[in-house]
C-alpha atoms as a PDB file:
ATOM      1  CA  MET A   1       0.000   0.000   0.000  1.00  0.00           C
ATOM      2  CA  GLN A   2       1.209   3.496  -0.826  1.00  0.00           C
ATOM      3  CA  PRO A   3       1.713   5.911   2.085  1.00  0.00           C
ATOM      4  CA  LEU A   4      -1.086   8.404   2.566  1.00  0.00           C
ATOM      5  CA  ILE A   5      -0.810  11.882   4.062  1.00  0.00           C
ATOM      6  CA  LEU A   6      -3.969  13.847   4.770  1.00  0.00           C
ATOM      7  CA  THR A   7      -3.928  17.639   4.544  1.00  0.00           C
ATOM      8  CA  ALA A   8      -6.667  19.722   6.147  1.00  0.00           C
ATOM      9  CA  ALA A   9      -7.364  23.238   4.877  1.00  0.00           C
ATOM     10  CA  ILE A  10      -9.189  24.389   7.996  1.00  0.00           C
ATOM     11  CA  THR A  11     -10.223  27.897   6.927  1.00  0.00           C
ATOM     12  CA  GLY A  12      -9.713  28.570   3.223  1.00  0.00           C
ATOM     13  CA  ALA A  13      -9.349  31.927   1.556  1.00  0.00           C
ATOM     14  CA  GLU A  14     -12.845  32.892   0.507  1.00  0.00           C
ATOM     15  CA  THR A  15     -15.583  31.178   2.523  1.00  0.00           C
ATOM     16  CA  MET A  16     -17.151  33.616   4.985  1.00  0.00           C
ATOM     17  CA  PRO A  17     -18.923  33.019   8.305  1.00  0.00           C
ATOM     18  CA  LYS A  18     -22.253  33.907   6.636  1.00  0.00           C
ATOM     19  CA  ASP A  19     -21.671  30.930   4.312  1.00  0.00           C
ATOM     20  CA  GLN A  20     -20.281  28.606   6.998  1.00  0.00           C
ATOM     21  CA  PRO A  21     -21.169  29.704  10.551  1.00  0.00           C
ATOM     22  CA  ASN A  22     -18.584  27.310  12.036  1.00  0.00           C
ATOM     23  CA  LEU A  23     -15.680  28.721  10.014  1.00  0.00           C
ATOM     24  CA  PRO A  24     -12.607  28.764  12.279  1.00  0.00           C
ATOM     25  CA  PHE A  25     -10.972  32.125  11.633  1.00  0.00           C
ATOM     26  CA  THR A  26      -9.565  33.166  15.017  1.00  0.00           C
ATOM     27  CA  PRO A  27      -6.266  31.638  16.143  1.00  0.00           C
ATOM     28  CA  GLU A  28      -8.052  29.831  18.981  1.00  0.00           C
ATOM     29  CA  ALA A  29     -10.742  28.392  16.708  1.00  0.00           C
ATOM     30  CA  GLN A  30      -8.109  27.365  14.174  1.00  0.00           C
ATOM     31  CA  ALA A  31      -6.201  25.535  16.911  1.00  0.00           C
ATOM     32  CA  ARG A  32      -9.350  23.636  17.916  1.00  0.00           C
ATOM     33  CA  ALA A  33     -10.055  22.751  14.281  1.00  0.00           C
ATOM     34  CA  ALA A  34      -6.458  21.594  13.785  1.00  0.00           C
ATOM     35  CA  VAL A  35      -6.723  19.248  16.772  1.00  0.00           C
ATOM     36  CA  GLU A  36      -9.995  17.803  15.460  1.00  0.00           C
ATOM     37  CA  CYS A  37      -8.421  17.222  12.049  1.00  0.00           C
ATOM     38  CA  TYR A  38      -5.273  15.718  13.582  1.00  0.00           C
ATOM     39  CA  GLU A  39      -7.357  13.350  15.684  1.00  0.00           C
ATOM     40  CA  ALA A  40      -9.207  12.337  12.493  1.00  0.00           C
ATOM     41  CA  GLY A  41      -5.913  11.484  10.763  1.00  0.00           C
ATOM     42  CA  ALA A  42      -4.664  14.689   9.114  1.00  0.00           C
ATOM     43  CA  ARG A  43      -0.961  15.366   9.554  1.00  0.00           C
ATOM     44  CA  VAL A  44      -0.666  18.594   7.540  1.00  0.00           C
ATOM     45  CA  ILE A  45      -2.595  21.789   8.272  1.00  0.00           C
ATOM     46  CA  HIS A  46      -2.854  24.136   5.283  1.00  0.00           C
ATOM     47  CA  LEU A  47      -3.344  27.547   6.857  1.00  0.00           C
ATOM     48  CA  HIS A  48      -5.065  30.676   5.619  1.00  0.00           C
ATOM     49  CA  VAL A  49      -5.603  33.433   8.172  1.00  0.00           C
ATOM     50  CA  ARG A  50      -8.256  36.085   8.629  1.00  0.00           C
ATOM     51  CA  ASP A  51      -8.405  39.409  10.412  1.00  0.00           C
ATOM     52  CA  GLU A  52     -10.840  40.111  13.269  1.00  0.00           C
ATOM     53  CA  ASN A  53     -13.624  40.671  10.699  1.00  0.00           C
ATOM     54  CA  ALA A  54     -12.951  37.307   9.007  1.00  0.00           C
ATOM     55  CA  ILE A  55     -11.394  38.977   5.950  1.00  0.00           C
ATOM     56  CA  ALA A  56      -8.514  37.025   4.370  1.00  0.00           C
ATOM     57  CA  THR A  57      -5.136  38.557   5.148  1.00  0.00           C
ATOM     58  CA  GLN A  58      -1.453  37.810   4.728  1.00  0.00           C
ATOM     59  CA  ASP A  59      -0.607  39.703   7.923  1.00  0.00           C
ATOM     60  CA  ILE A  60       2.517  38.054   9.299  1.00  0.00           C
ATOM     61  CA  ASN A  61       1.462  38.707  12.897  1.00  0.00           C
ATOM     62  CA  ARG A  62      -1.864  36.963  12.363  1.00  0.00           C
ATOM     63  CA  PHE A  63      -0.042  33.977  10.848  1.00  0.00           C
ATOM     64  CA  LYS A  64       2.299  33.955  13.853  1.00  0.00           C
ATOM     65  CA  GLU A  65      -0.627  33.978  16.308  1.00  0.00           C
ATOM     66  CA  SER A  66      -2.410  31.153  14.489  1.00  0.00           C
ATOM     67  CA  ILE A  67       0.718  29.035  14.077  1.00  0.00           C
ATOM     68  CA  GLU A  68       1.599  29.439  17.760  1.00  0.00           C
ATOM     69  CA  ALA A  69      -1.935  28.508  18.845  1.00  0.00           C
ATOM     70  CA  ILE A  70      -1.967  25.446  16.579  1.00  0.00           C
ATOM     71  CA  ARG A  71       1.520  24.348  17.668  1.00  0.00           C
ATOM     72  CA  ALA A  72       0.561  24.668  21.349  1.00  0.00           C
ATOM     73  CA  ALA A  73      -2.542  22.529  20.824  1.00  0.00           C
ATOM     74  CA  CYS A  74      -1.120  20.075  18.294  1.00  0.00           C
ATOM     75  CA  PRO A  75       2.705  20.077  18.326  1.00  0.00           C
ATOM     76  CA  ASP A  76       3.213  17.199  15.874  1.00  0.00           C
ATOM     77  CA  VAL A  77       1.225  18.662  12.989  1.00  0.00           C
ATOM     78  CA  ILE A  78       3.062  19.833   9.855  1.00  0.00           C
ATOM     79  CA  MET A  79       2.301  23.502   9.159  1.00  0.00           C
ATOM     80  CA  GLN A  80       1.816  24.558   5.549  1.00  0.00           C
ATOM     81  CA  ILE A  81       0.940  28.219   5.141  1.00  0.00           C
ATOM     82  CA  SER A  82      -0.845  29.685   2.167  1.00  0.00           C
ATOM     83  CA  THR A  83       1.082  31.879  -0.212  1.00  0.00           C
ATOM     84  CA  GLY A  84      -2.034  32.176  -2.368  1.00  0.00           C
ATOM     85  CA  GLY A  85      -3.119  34.743   0.120  1.00  0.00           C
ATOM     86  CA  ALA A  86      -5.957  37.148   0.122  1.00  0.00           C
ATOM     87  CA  VAL A  87      -7.534  37.939  -3.228  1.00  0.00           C
ATOM     88  CA  GLY A  88      -5.715  40.951  -4.628  1.00  0.00           C
ATOM     89  CA  ALA A  89      -2.628  40.594  -2.397  1.00  0.00           C
ATOM     90  CA  SER A  90       0.686  41.522  -3.994  1.00  0.00           C
ATOM     91  CA  PHE A  91       3.433  38.953  -4.522  1.00  0.00           C
ATOM     92  CA  ASP A  92       5.477  40.456  -1.673  1.00  0.00           C
ATOM     93  CA  ASP A  93       2.469  40.329   0.662  1.00  0.00           C
ATOM     94  CA  ARG A  94       1.801  36.716  -0.315  1.00  0.00           C
ATOM     95  CA  ILE A  95       5.323  35.526   0.499  1.00  0.00           C
ATOM     96  CA  ALA A  96       5.895  37.657   3.625  1.00  0.00           C
ATOM     97  CA  PRO A  97       4.645  34.951   6.057  1.00  0.00           C
ATOM     98  CA  LEU A  98       7.371  32.604   4.777  1.00  0.00           C
ATOM     99  CA  GLN A  99       9.651  34.599   7.109  1.00  0.00           C
ATOM    100  CA  LEU A 100       8.066  32.525   9.894  1.00  0.00           C
ATOM    101  CA  LYS A 101       9.743  29.429   8.416  1.00  0.00           C
ATOM    102  CA  PRO A 102       6.759  27.066   8.318  1.00  0.00           C
ATOM    103  CA  ASP A 103       7.338  23.362   7.707  1.00  0.00           C
ATOM    104  CA  MET A 104       5.917  23.819   4.198  1.00  0.00           C
ATOM    105  CA  GLY A 105       5.182  26.968   2.226  1.00  0.00           C
END
């Protein structure tokens, strides 16, 4: 049998809370979602982040907060951050969070 690695994209870039009321967009909610996915078998968390209004952002500080919350709750998970970013983000904005040195970019 071939090895299998499950990746969970816990938030996504465009779905909004009005479309999915349970959308985890705060660092704390993302950490809870990551644990649930890890317990279900996912080993990679593909991370998009949102601001306090649930708008997609490439803010490096928001990525840092979410990564730290997820790592504290689920230390063995592989972190893969989005460089697709928020719609309309510049190339430099999209790659800025790579400064945090995630496991995968």
